[in-house]
Amino acid sequence: FSPRRAVYGFIERQNLPGIFRTFDFASPDSTSARRFQTTVPQQALFFMNSALSTDQSKAVASLPEMIQANDDGQRIRRLYLRLFARLPDKDELAAGLSYLGGRSLSPMQGLQPTWQYGYGHFDQAQNRVVGFTPLKHFSKEGYTVSEAFPDPTLGYLLLNAQGGHPGNDSSHSVIRRWIAPENTTISIVGTLNHPEKQGDGVIGRIVSNRTGLIKEWKVLSRRARTDVSSVTVQKGEIIDFLVDPITRPDFDGFTWAPTIKAGIGTETWSANSNFGPPPGEPITRLALYAQALMMTNEFLFVD
């Protein structure tokens, strides 16, 4: 997307951008005597969910004049001058101070991602996963160690929506991690598949950081059901789905996208459908406040 205001935007009459239609852009096929002003849910939803809106609100909140302000009151006044070319009135200033609450530059607590992706090692002596290292590079292939694939050091280590490939040895087993959001009982369903006829296969393990190994399967040129009927978990407990290359990594591509179901209720966590890029950088309270001001008619519509 372009950060330019609409007056500088490129117009293709037969393919008008969605943002123009959402905000009642005048038809480019005819003259328009005046600009209509409307407030409809689609406009608010656009600014709540738009990457353009989020990026621009972060940019405004990160300006030196905002960071270097003496207090939240000064930040609010500077924000109003920047967005509306005026100072806030008494009620607006009070509302802003109440929302910021002295924490304007502190990152907001983000939602814990449903799944995490990394690599590590199952220590049989400790009966635990050790050395979990998150995979930070995300591309159309999935999560990898680095932009280079295969990685010069760890090879074809990969996790995607359907499965992946472990690293070069058991110290770099690939791990799909789930963290229990509450105390509950879960069931796990899935199929671990090693389709290659060559190599020595892989070992799939389900491991809890609280109780240790739950179950494991070795597969070579076959499929194995990886169902676990009942596991009691505590809030914050880690359940790791780990695939070990055994002795060597050749021909170790696999598919394994388990689904976790809550024992009570209908909540489900699917490794396949929940797969996606890592969450963005946390946003500050000041940036959210700036975004709210940018959603107002006073900012959006200029006579």
C-alpha atoms as a PDB file:
ATOM      1  CA  PHE A   1       0.000   0.000   0.000  1.00  0.00           C
ATOM      2  CA  SER A   2       0.997   3.593  -0.468  1.00  0.00           C
ATOM      3  CA  PRO A   3       1.168   5.965   2.534  1.00  0.00           C
ATOM      4  CA  ARG A   4       0.093   8.911   0.358  1.00  0.00           C
ATOM      5  CA  ARG A   5      -3.178  10.736   0.899  1.00  0.00           C
ATOM      6  CA  ALA A   6      -5.924   9.984  -1.631  1.00  0.00           C
ATOM      7  CA  VAL A   7      -5.443  13.260  -3.500  1.00  0.00           C
ATOM      8  CA  TYR A   8      -2.087  11.903  -4.717  1.00  0.00           C
ATOM      9  CA  GLY A   9      -3.404   8.398  -5.395  1.00  0.00           C
ATOM     10  CA  PHE A  10      -3.380   6.777  -8.819  1.00  0.00           C
ATOM     11  CA  ILE A  11      -6.905   6.374 -10.210  1.00  0.00           C
ATOM     12  CA  GLU A  12      -7.899   3.523 -12.484  1.00  0.00           C
ATOM     13  CA  ARG A  13     -11.552   4.109 -13.224  1.00  0.00           C
ATOM     14  CA  GLN A  14     -12.372   0.472 -13.969  1.00  0.00           C
ATOM     15  CA  ASN A  15     -10.581  -0.819 -10.866  1.00  0.00           C
ATOM     16  CA  LEU A  16     -11.119   1.652  -8.032  1.00  0.00           C
ATOM     17  CA  PRO A  17      -9.201   0.653  -4.858  1.00  0.00           C
ATOM     18  CA  GLY A  18     -11.310  -0.777  -2.056  1.00  0.00           C
ATOM     19  CA  ILE A  19     -10.218   1.936   0.379  1.00  0.00           C
ATOM     20  CA  PHE A  20     -11.674   4.582  -1.958  1.00  0.00           C
ATOM     21  CA  ARG A  21     -15.031   2.824  -2.144  1.00  0.00           C
ATOM     22  CA  THR A  22     -15.086   2.345   1.632  1.00  0.00           C
ATOM     23  CA  PHE A  23     -14.666   6.063   2.185  1.00  0.00           C
ATOM     24  CA  ASP A  24     -17.107   7.207  -0.514  1.00  0.00           C
ATOM     25  CA  PHE A  25     -14.555   8.440  -2.994  1.00  0.00           C
ATOM     26  CA  ALA A  26     -16.267  10.433  -5.726  1.00  0.00           C
ATOM     27  CA  SER A  27     -16.859   8.625  -9.001  1.00  0.00           C
ATOM     28  CA  PRO A  28     -13.961   9.340 -11.386  1.00  0.00           C
ATOM     29  CA  ASP A  29     -16.381   9.012 -14.335  1.00  0.00           C
ATOM     30  CA  SER A  30     -18.255  12.224 -13.597  1.00  0.00           C
ATOM     31  CA  THR A  31     -17.944  15.570 -11.865  1.00  0.00           C
ATOM     32  CA  SER A  32     -18.876  15.848  -8.200  1.00  0.00           C
ATOM     33  CA  ALA A  33     -20.115  19.117  -6.719  1.00  0.00           C
ATOM     34  CA  ARG A  34     -19.151  18.241  -3.151  1.00  0.00           C
ATOM     35  CA  ARG A  35     -17.634  15.553  -0.983  1.00  0.00           C
ATOM     36  CA  PHE A  36     -20.142  13.478   0.994  1.00  0.00           C
ATOM     37  CA  GLN A  37     -19.340  12.683   4.628  1.00  0.00           C
ATOM     38  CA  THR A  38     -20.515   9.356   6.030  1.00  0.00           C
ATOM     39  CA  THR A  39     -19.782   7.252   9.068  1.00  0.00           C
ATOM     40  CA  VAL A  40     -20.462   3.547   8.564  1.00  0.00           C
ATOM     41  CA  PRO A  41     -19.119   0.427  10.318  1.00  0.00           C
ATOM     42  CA  GLN A  42     -16.909  -0.538   7.366  1.00  0.00           C
ATOM     43  CA  GLN A  43     -14.861   2.629   7.848  1.00  0.00           C
ATOM     44  CA  ALA A  44     -14.174   1.978  11.517  1.00  0.00           C
ATOM     45  CA  LEU A  45     -13.403  -1.686  10.833  1.00  0.00           C
ATOM     46  CA  PHE A  46     -10.956  -0.691   8.114  1.00  0.00           C
ATOM     47  CA  PHE A  47      -8.994   1.556  10.459  1.00  0.00           C
ATOM     48  CA  MET A  48      -9.068  -0.983  13.281  1.00  0.00           C
ATOM     49  CA  ASN A  49      -7.618  -3.746  11.079  1.00  0.00           C
ATOM     50  CA  SER A  50      -5.680  -1.969   8.338  1.00  0.00           C
ATOM     51  CA  ALA A  51      -1.904  -2.414   8.205  1.00  0.00           C
ATOM     52  CA  LEU A  52      -1.707   1.110   6.771  1.00  0.00           C
ATOM     53  CA  SER A  53      -3.559   2.521   9.787  1.00  0.00           C
ATOM     54  CA  THR A  54      -1.417   0.587  12.272  1.00  0.00           C
ATOM     55  CA  ASP A  55       1.855   1.554  10.600  1.00  0.00           C
ATOM     56  CA  GLN A  56       0.946   5.230  10.413  1.00  0.00           C
ATOM     57  CA  SER A  57      -0.227   5.378  14.038  1.00  0.00           C
ATOM     58  CA  LYS A  58       3.060   3.751  15.124  1.00  0.00           C
ATOM     59  CA  ALA A  59       4.962   6.276  13.016  1.00  0.00           C
ATOM     60  CA  VAL A  60       3.180   9.231  14.625  1.00  0.00           C
ATOM     61  CA  ALA A  61       3.654   7.842  18.148  1.00  0.00           C
ATOM     62  CA  SER A  62       7.371   7.292  17.445  1.00  0.00           C
ATOM     63  CA  LEU A  63       8.097  10.854  16.361  1.00  0.00           C
ATOM     64  CA  PRO A  64      10.877  12.502  18.436  1.00  0.00           C
ATOM     65  CA  GLU A  65       8.442  15.175  19.597  1.00  0.00           C
ATOM     66  CA  MET A  66       6.276  12.445  21.177  1.00  0.00           C
ATOM     67  CA  ILE A  67       9.117  10.422  22.703  1.00  0.00           C
ATOM     68  CA  GLN A  68      10.850  13.499  24.142  1.00  0.00           C
ATOM     69  CA  ALA A  69       7.705  15.092  25.610  1.00  0.00           C
ATOM     70  CA  ASN A  70       7.810  15.769  29.345  1.00  0.00           C
ATOM     71  CA  ASP A  71       4.575  13.961  30.171  1.00  0.00           C
ATOM     72  CA  ASP A  72       1.388  12.486  28.683  1.00  0.00           C
ATOM     73  CA  GLY A  73      -0.377  15.844  28.748  1.00  0.00           C
ATOM     74  CA  GLN A  74       2.265  17.334  26.469  1.00  0.00           C
ATOM     75  CA  ARG A  75       2.136  14.251  24.208  1.00  0.00           C
ATOM     76  CA  ILE A  76      -1.631  14.602  23.831  1.00  0.00           C
ATOM     77  CA  ARG A  77      -1.364  18.309  22.978  1.00  0.00           C
ATOM     78  CA  ARG A  78       1.353  17.617  20.411  1.00  0.00           C
ATOM     79  CA  LEU A  79      -0.673  14.763  18.934  1.00  0.00           C
ATOM     80  CA  TYR A  80      -3.729  17.016  18.515  1.00  0.00           C
ATOM     81  CA  LEU A  81      -1.607  19.693  16.871  1.00  0.00           C
ATOM     82  CA  ARG A  82      -0.090  17.106  14.533  1.00  0.00           C
ATOM     83  CA  LEU A  83      -3.426  15.508  13.537  1.00  0.00           C
ATOM     84  CA  PHE A  84      -6.004  18.282  13.912  1.00  0.00           C
ATOM     85  CA  ALA A  85      -3.914  21.492  13.862  1.00  0.00           C
ATOM     86  CA  ARG A  86      -5.493  22.511  17.167  1.00  0.00           C
ATOM     87  CA  LEU A  87      -5.137  21.898  20.882  1.00  0.00           C
ATOM     88  CA  PRO A  88      -7.469  19.487  22.744  1.00  0.00           C
ATOM     89  CA  ASP A  89     -10.228  20.949  24.883  1.00  0.00           C
ATOM     90  CA  LYS A  90     -10.510  20.174  28.593  1.00  0.00           C
ATOM     91  CA  ASP A  91     -12.674  17.057  28.147  1.00  0.00           C
ATOM     92  CA  GLU A  92     -10.520  15.669  25.341  1.00  0.00           C
ATOM     93  CA  LEU A  93      -7.370  16.128  27.387  1.00  0.00           C
ATOM     94  CA  ALA A  94      -8.946  14.426  30.406  1.00  0.00           C
ATOM     95  CA  ALA A  95     -10.105  11.471  28.279  1.00  0.00           C
ATOM     96  CA  GLY A  96      -6.633  11.080  26.780  1.00  0.00           C
ATOM     97  CA  LEU A  97      -4.923  11.215  30.175  1.00  0.00           C
ATOM     98  CA  SER A  98      -7.345   8.652  31.565  1.00  0.00           C
ATOM     99  CA  TYR A  99      -6.627   6.240  28.709  1.00  0.00           C
ATOM    100  CA  LEU A 100      -2.852   6.630  28.691  1.00  0.00           C
ATOM    101  CA  GLY A 101      -2.675   6.385  32.473  1.00  0.00           C
ATOM    102  CA  GLY A 102       1.013   7.242  32.596  1.00  0.00           C
ATOM    103  CA  ARG A 103       1.897   4.214  30.459  1.00  0.00           C
ATOM    104  CA  SER A 104       1.840   5.828  27.020  1.00  0.00           C
ATOM    105  CA  LEU A 105       5.203   4.463  25.846  1.00  0.00           C
ATOM    106  CA  SER A 106       4.881   0.987  27.375  1.00  0.00           C
ATOM    107  CA  PRO A 107       4.156  -1.846  24.900  1.00  0.00           C
ATOM    108  CA  MET A 108       0.666  -3.302  25.242  1.00  0.00           C
ATOM    109  CA  GLN A 109       0.520  -6.927  26.351  1.00  0.00           C
ATOM    110  CA  GLY A 110      -0.044  -8.955  23.187  1.00  0.00           C
ATOM    111  CA  LEU A 111      -1.898 -12.210  22.810  1.00  0.00           C
ATOM    112  CA  GLN A 112       0.141 -15.362  23.273  1.00  0.00           C
ATOM    113  CA  PRO A 113       0.410 -17.085  19.875  1.00  0.00           C
ATOM    114  CA  THR A 114      -1.432 -20.397  19.651  1.00  0.00           C
ATOM    115  CA  TRP A 115       1.625 -22.235  18.348  1.00  0.00           C
ATOM    116  CA  GLN A 116       5.341 -21.592  18.520  1.00  0.00           C
ATOM    117  CA  TYR A 117       7.982 -23.027  16.185  1.00  0.00           C
ATOM    118  CA  GLY A 118      11.570 -23.952  16.884  1.00  0.00           C
ATOM    119  CA  TYR A 119      14.123 -26.685  17.339  1.00  0.00           C
ATOM    120  CA  GLY A 120      15.780 -28.412  20.283  1.00  0.00           C
ATOM    121  CA  HIS A 121      16.585 -31.784  21.801  1.00  0.00           C
ATOM    122  CA  PHE A 122      14.752 -34.467  23.761  1.00  0.00           C
ATOM    123  CA  ASP A 123      16.957 -35.428  26.693  1.00  0.00           C
ATOM    124  CA  GLN A 124      16.023 -38.980  27.643  1.00  0.00           C
ATOM    125  CA  ALA A 125      17.836 -38.768  30.984  1.00  0.00           C
ATOM    126  CA  GLN A 126      15.826 -35.712  32.023  1.00  0.00           C
ATOM    127  CA  ASN A 127      12.718 -36.871  30.145  1.00  0.00           C
ATOM    128  CA  ARG A 128      12.318 -33.302  28.921  1.00  0.00           C
ATOM    129  CA  VAL A 129      12.851 -31.103  25.851  1.00  0.00           C
ATOM    130  CA  VAL A 130      15.932 -28.934  26.325  1.00  0.00           C
ATOM    131  CA  GLY A 131      17.451 -26.061  24.365  1.00  0.00           C
ATOM    132  CA  PHE A 132      14.275 -24.886  22.602  1.00  0.00           C
ATOM    133  CA  THR A 133      15.317 -22.217  20.083  1.00  0.00           C
ATOM    134  CA  PRO A 134      12.571 -20.304  18.206  1.00  0.00           C
ATOM    135  CA  LEU A 135      12.616 -20.202  14.413  1.00  0.00           C
ATOM    136  CA  LYS A 136      12.455 -16.526  13.541  1.00  0.00           C
ATOM    137  CA  HIS A 137      12.575 -16.496   9.743  1.00  0.00           C
ATOM    138  CA  PHE A 138       9.186 -16.859   8.046  1.00  0.00           C
ATOM    139  CA  SER A 139       8.586 -17.144   4.294  1.00  0.00           C
ATOM    140  CA  LYS A 140       6.271 -18.909   1.869  1.00  0.00           C
ATOM    141  CA  GLU A 141       8.113 -22.164   2.672  1.00  0.00           C
ATOM    142  CA  GLY A 142       7.325 -21.797   6.391  1.00  0.00           C
ATOM    143  CA  TYR A 143       9.577 -21.265   9.403  1.00  0.00           C
ATOM    144  CA  THR A 144      13.288 -21.771   8.753  1.00  0.00           C
ATOM    145  CA  VAL A 145      16.543 -21.026  10.547  1.00  0.00           C
ATOM    146  CA  SER A 146      17.582 -18.244   8.184  1.00  0.00           C
ATOM    147  CA  GLU A 147      16.826 -16.674   4.835  1.00  0.00           C
ATOM    148  CA  ALA A 148      19.152 -19.193   3.198  1.00  0.00           C
ATOM    149  CA  PHE A 149      17.440 -22.544   2.637  1.00  0.00           C
ATOM    150  CA  PRO A 150      18.878 -25.044   3.187  1.00  0.00           C
ATOM    151  CA  ASP A 151      20.728 -23.376   6.039  1.00  0.00           C
ATOM    152  CA  PRO A 152      24.532 -23.786   5.735  1.00  0.00           C
ATOM    153  CA  THR A 153      24.744 -25.181   9.275  1.00  0.00           C
ATOM    154  CA  LEU A 154      21.417 -26.823  10.117  1.00  0.00           C
ATOM    155  CA  GLY A 155      20.375 -27.998   6.669  1.00  0.00           C
ATOM    156  CA  TYR A 156      16.721 -28.449   5.722  1.00  0.00           C
ATOM    157  CA  LEU A 157      15.280 -27.655   9.150  1.00  0.00           C
ATOM    158  CA  LEU A 158      11.743 -26.470   8.400  1.00  0.00           C
ATOM    159  CA  LEU A 159       8.219 -26.250   9.830  1.00  0.00           C
ATOM    160  CA  ASN A 160       5.149 -25.477   7.731  1.00  0.00           C
ATOM    161  CA  ALA A 161       1.399 -25.961   8.093  1.00  0.00           C
ATOM    162  CA  GLN A 162       1.455 -29.656   7.178  1.00  0.00           C
ATOM    163  CA  GLY A 163       4.791 -30.830   8.604  1.00  0.00           C
ATOM    164  CA  GLY A 164       8.414 -30.093   7.841  1.00  0.00           C
ATOM    165  CA  HIS A 165      11.922 -31.480   8.117  1.00  0.00           C
ATOM    166  CA  PRO A 166      14.237 -31.889  11.135  1.00  0.00           C
ATOM    167  CA  GLY A 167      17.793 -30.578  11.309  1.00  0.00           C
ATOM    168  CA  ASN A 168      20.990 -32.497  10.825  1.00  0.00           C
ATOM    169  CA  ASP A 169      20.963 -34.390  14.151  1.00  0.00           C
ATOM    170  CA  SER A 170      18.859 -35.123  17.217  1.00  0.00           C
ATOM    171  CA  SER A 171      20.122 -31.941  18.911  1.00  0.00           C
ATOM    172  CA  HIS A 172      18.231 -30.035  16.223  1.00  0.00           C
ATOM    173  CA  SER A 173      14.930 -31.862  16.225  1.00  0.00           C
ATOM    174  CA  VAL A 174      12.150 -29.688  14.867  1.00  0.00           C
ATOM    175  CA  ILE A 175       9.507 -28.667  17.452  1.00  0.00           C
ATOM    176  CA  ARG A 176       5.933 -27.411  17.190  1.00  0.00           C
ATOM    177  CA  ARG A 177       5.041 -26.009  20.627  1.00  0.00           C
ATOM    178  CA  TRP A 178       1.624 -25.435  22.233  1.00  0.00           C
ATOM    179  CA  ILE A 179       1.105 -23.677  25.582  1.00  0.00           C
ATOM    180  CA  ALA A 180      -2.014 -24.469  27.621  1.00  0.00           C
ATOM    181  CA  PRO A 181      -4.124 -21.311  28.107  1.00  0.00           C
ATOM    182  CA  GLU A 182      -5.907 -22.739  31.178  1.00  0.00           C
ATOM    183  CA  ASN A 183      -6.259 -25.776  33.420  1.00  0.00           C
ATOM    184  CA  THR A 184      -8.106 -28.360  31.354  1.00  0.00           C
ATOM    185  CA  THR A 185      -8.092 -31.858  29.913  1.00  0.00           C
ATOM    186  CA  ILE A 186      -7.181 -32.203  26.251  1.00  0.00           C
ATOM    187  CA  SER A 187      -7.185 -34.886  23.592  1.00  0.00           C
ATOM    188  CA  ILE A 188      -4.786 -35.005  20.645  1.00  0.00           C
ATOM    189  CA  VAL A 189      -5.440 -36.386  17.177  1.00  0.00           C
ATOM    190  CA  GLY A 190      -3.119 -36.547  14.206  1.00  0.00           C
ATOM    191  CA  THR A 191      -1.112 -38.652  11.791  1.00  0.00           C
ATOM    192  CA  LEU A 192       2.664 -38.735  11.506  1.00  0.00           C
ATOM    193  CA  ASN A 193       3.691 -39.655   7.968  1.00  0.00           C
ATOM    194  CA  HIS A 194       7.178 -40.402   6.632  1.00  0.00           C
ATOM    195  CA  PRO A 195       6.566 -40.973   2.895  1.00  0.00           C
ATOM    196  CA  GLU A 196      10.124 -41.661   1.738  1.00  0.00           C
ATOM    197  CA  LYS A 197      11.323 -45.216   1.158  1.00  0.00           C
ATOM    198  CA  GLN A 198      14.947 -44.244   1.773  1.00  0.00           C
ATOM    199  CA  GLY A 199      16.690 -43.122   4.955  1.00  0.00           C
ATOM    200  CA  ASP A 200      16.105 -44.421   8.465  1.00  0.00           C
ATOM    201  CA  GLY A 201      12.840 -42.640   9.218  1.00  0.00           C
ATOM    202  CA  VAL A 202      11.974 -40.242  12.032  1.00  0.00           C
ATOM    203  CA  ILE A 203      10.712 -40.388  15.599  1.00  0.00           C
ATOM    204  CA  GLY A 204       7.777 -38.248  16.610  1.00  0.00           C
ATOM    205  CA  ARG A 205       7.327 -37.426  20.282  1.00  0.00           C
ATOM    206  CA  ILE A 206       4.748 -35.581  22.348  1.00  0.00           C
ATOM    207  CA  VAL A 207       6.429 -34.176  25.448  1.00  0.00           C
ATOM    208  CA  SER A 208       5.133 -32.147  28.410  1.00  0.00           C
ATOM    209  CA  ASN A 209       7.467 -29.853  30.323  1.00  0.00           C
ATOM    210  CA  ARG A 210       5.643 -30.894  33.499  1.00  0.00           C
ATOM    211  CA  THR A 211       5.268 -34.675  33.168  1.00  0.00           C
ATOM    212  CA  GLY A 212       7.788 -35.570  30.468  1.00  0.00           C
ATOM    213  CA  LEU A 213       7.289 -37.909  27.510  1.00  0.00           C
ATOM    214  CA  ILE A 214       3.633 -38.584  26.757  1.00  0.00           C
ATOM    215  CA  LYS A 215       4.032 -40.840  23.740  1.00  0.00           C
ATOM    216  CA  GLU A 216       6.369 -41.538  20.820  1.00  0.00           C
ATOM    217  CA  TRP A 217       6.240 -43.191  17.387  1.00  0.00           C
ATOM    218  CA  LYS A 218       8.962 -44.285  14.951  1.00  0.00           C
ATOM    219  CA  VAL A 219       7.938 -44.201  11.299  1.00  0.00           C
ATOM    220  CA  LEU A 220       9.756 -45.229   8.146  1.00  0.00           C
ATOM    221  CA  SER A 221       7.882 -45.206   4.832  1.00  0.00           C
ATOM    222  CA  ARG A 222       4.545 -45.382   6.646  1.00  0.00           C
ATOM    223  CA  ARG A 223       1.857 -43.501   8.553  1.00  0.00           C
ATOM    224  CA  ALA A 224       1.149 -43.728  12.271  1.00  0.00           C
ATOM    225  CA  ARG A 225      -1.850 -42.414  14.145  1.00  0.00           C
ATOM    226  CA  THR A 226      -0.671 -40.155  16.968  1.00  0.00           C
ATOM    227  CA  ASP A 227      -3.864 -39.945  18.998  1.00  0.00           C
ATOM    228  CA  VAL A 228      -3.809 -39.376  22.747  1.00  0.00           C
ATOM    229  CA  SER A 229      -7.220 -39.705  24.332  1.00  0.00           C
ATOM    230  CA  SER A 230      -6.767 -37.708  27.535  1.00  0.00           C
ATOM    231  CA  VAL A 231      -4.065 -35.437  28.953  1.00  0.00           C
ATOM    232  CA  THR A 232      -4.583 -33.197  31.970  1.00  0.00           C
ATOM    233  CA  VAL A 233      -2.713 -29.896  31.570  1.00  0.00           C
ATOM    234  CA  GLN A 234      -2.201 -26.872  33.774  1.00  0.00           C
ATOM    235  CA  LYS A 235      -2.265 -23.265  32.651  1.00  0.00           C
ATOM    236  CA  GLY A 236       1.087 -22.403  31.063  1.00  0.00           C
ATOM    237  CA  GLU A 237       2.102 -26.038  30.598  1.00  0.00           C
ATOM    238  CA  ILE A 238       4.098 -26.670  27.427  1.00  0.00           C
ATOM    239  CA  ILE A 239       3.224 -29.501  25.043  1.00  0.00           C
ATOM    240  CA  ASP A 240       5.923 -30.084  22.428  1.00  0.00           C
ATOM    241  CA  PHE A 241       5.458 -32.031  19.196  1.00  0.00           C
ATOM    242  CA  LEU A 242       9.014 -32.988  18.345  1.00  0.00           C
ATOM    243  CA  VAL A 243      10.375 -34.824  15.281  1.00  0.00           C
ATOM    244  CA  ASP A 244      13.821 -36.416  15.660  1.00  0.00           C
ATOM    245  CA  PRO A 245      15.951 -37.309  12.589  1.00  0.00           C
ATOM    246  CA  ILE A 246      17.403 -40.346  14.455  1.00  0.00           C
ATOM    247  CA  THR A 247      20.919 -40.891  13.044  1.00  0.00           C
ATOM    248  CA  ARG A 248      21.008 -38.808   9.861  1.00  0.00           C
ATOM    249  CA  PRO A 249      18.744 -36.228   8.159  1.00  0.00           C
ATOM    250  CA  ASP A 250      18.556 -37.746   4.669  1.00  0.00           C
ATOM    251  CA  PHE A 251      15.005 -38.216   3.306  1.00  0.00           C
ATOM    252  CA  ASP A 252      13.436 -37.055   6.587  1.00  0.00           C
ATOM    253  CA  GLY A 253      10.640 -34.884   5.220  1.00  0.00           C
ATOM    254  CA  PHE A 254       7.408 -35.591   7.127  1.00  0.00           C
ATOM    255  CA  THR A 255       3.832 -34.449   7.589  1.00  0.00           C
ATOM    256  CA  TRP A 256       2.362 -34.048  11.067  1.00  0.00           C
ATOM    257  CA  ALA A 257      -0.243 -31.398  11.847  1.00  0.00           C
ATOM    258  CA  PRO A 258      -1.896 -32.455  15.120  1.00  0.00           C
ATOM    259  CA  THR A 259      -5.117 -31.039  16.478  1.00  0.00           C
ATOM    260  CA  ILE A 260      -5.674 -30.416  20.187  1.00  0.00           C
ATOM    261  CA  LYS A 261      -9.227 -30.446  21.545  1.00  0.00           C
ATOM    262  CA  ALA A 262     -10.382 -29.251  24.947  1.00  0.00           C
ATOM    263  CA  GLY A 263     -12.040 -31.984  26.971  1.00  0.00           C
ATOM    264  CA  ILE A 264     -14.864 -29.669  28.029  1.00  0.00           C
ATOM    265  CA  GLY A 265     -16.364 -27.310  25.471  1.00  0.00           C
ATOM    266  CA  THR A 266     -15.653 -26.913  21.790  1.00  0.00           C
ATOM    267  CA  GLU A 267     -12.280 -25.120  21.780  1.00  0.00           C
ATOM    268  CA  THR A 268      -9.854 -26.578  19.250  1.00  0.00           C
ATOM    269  CA  TRP A 269      -6.247 -25.739  18.352  1.00  0.00           C
ATOM    270  CA  SER A 270      -5.241 -26.939  14.887  1.00  0.00           C
ATOM    271  CA  ALA A 271      -1.582 -26.954  13.860  1.00  0.00           C
ATOM    272  CA  ASN A 272      -2.705 -26.669  10.233  1.00  0.00           C
ATOM    273  CA  SER A 273      -5.412 -24.008  10.284  1.00  0.00           C
ATOM    274  CA  ASN A 274      -3.716 -21.942  13.030  1.00  0.00           C
ATOM    275  CA  PHE A 275      -0.407 -21.850  11.151  1.00  0.00           C
ATOM    276  CA  GLY A 276       0.776 -18.400  10.176  1.00  0.00           C
ATOM    277  CA  PRO A 277       3.469 -15.731  10.460  1.00  0.00           C
ATOM    278  CA  PRO A 278       4.798 -14.583  13.834  1.00  0.00           C
ATOM    279  CA  PRO A 279       2.870 -11.825  15.612  1.00  0.00           C
ATOM    280  CA  GLY A 280       3.939  -8.273  14.872  1.00  0.00           C
ATOM    281  CA  GLU A 281       5.855  -6.031  17.199  1.00  0.00           C
ATOM    282  CA  PRO A 282       3.815  -4.964  20.258  1.00  0.00           C
ATOM    283  CA  ILE A 283       2.082  -1.615  19.916  1.00  0.00           C
ATOM    284  CA  THR A 284       2.256   1.109  22.554  1.00  0.00           C
ATOM    285  CA  ARG A 285      -0.746   2.666  24.257  1.00  0.00           C
ATOM    286  CA  LEU A 286       0.165   6.006  22.657  1.00  0.00           C
ATOM    287  CA  ALA A 287       0.083   4.435  19.180  1.00  0.00           C
ATOM    288  CA  LEU A 288      -3.371   2.943  19.866  1.00  0.00           C
ATOM    289  CA  TYR A 289      -4.543   6.339  21.088  1.00  0.00           C
ATOM    290  CA  ALA A 290      -3.174   7.959  17.920  1.00  0.00           C
ATOM    291  CA  GLN A 291      -4.984   5.342  15.841  1.00  0.00           C
ATOM    292  CA  ALA A 292      -8.266   6.140  17.574  1.00  0.00           C
ATOM    293  CA  LEU A 293      -7.832   9.863  16.850  1.00  0.00           C
ATOM    294  CA  MET A 294      -7.010   9.077  13.213  1.00  0.00           C
ATOM    295  CA  MET A 295     -10.340   7.217  12.927  1.00  0.00           C
ATOM    296  CA  THR A 296     -12.353  10.374  13.707  1.00  0.00           C
ATOM    297  CA  ASN A 297     -14.221  12.346  11.078  1.00  0.00           C
ATOM    298  CA  GLU A 298     -12.233  15.416  11.993  1.00  0.00           C
ATOM    299  CA  PHE A 299      -9.048  13.747  10.767  1.00  0.00           C
ATOM    300  CA  LEU A 300     -10.454  11.705   7.867  1.00  0.00           C
ATOM    301  CA  PHE A 301     -12.552  14.356   6.170  1.00  0.00           C
ATOM    302  CA  VAL A 302     -10.888  17.598   5.167  1.00  0.00           C
ATOM    303  CA  ASP A 303     -13.059  20.389   3.692  1.00  0.00           C
END
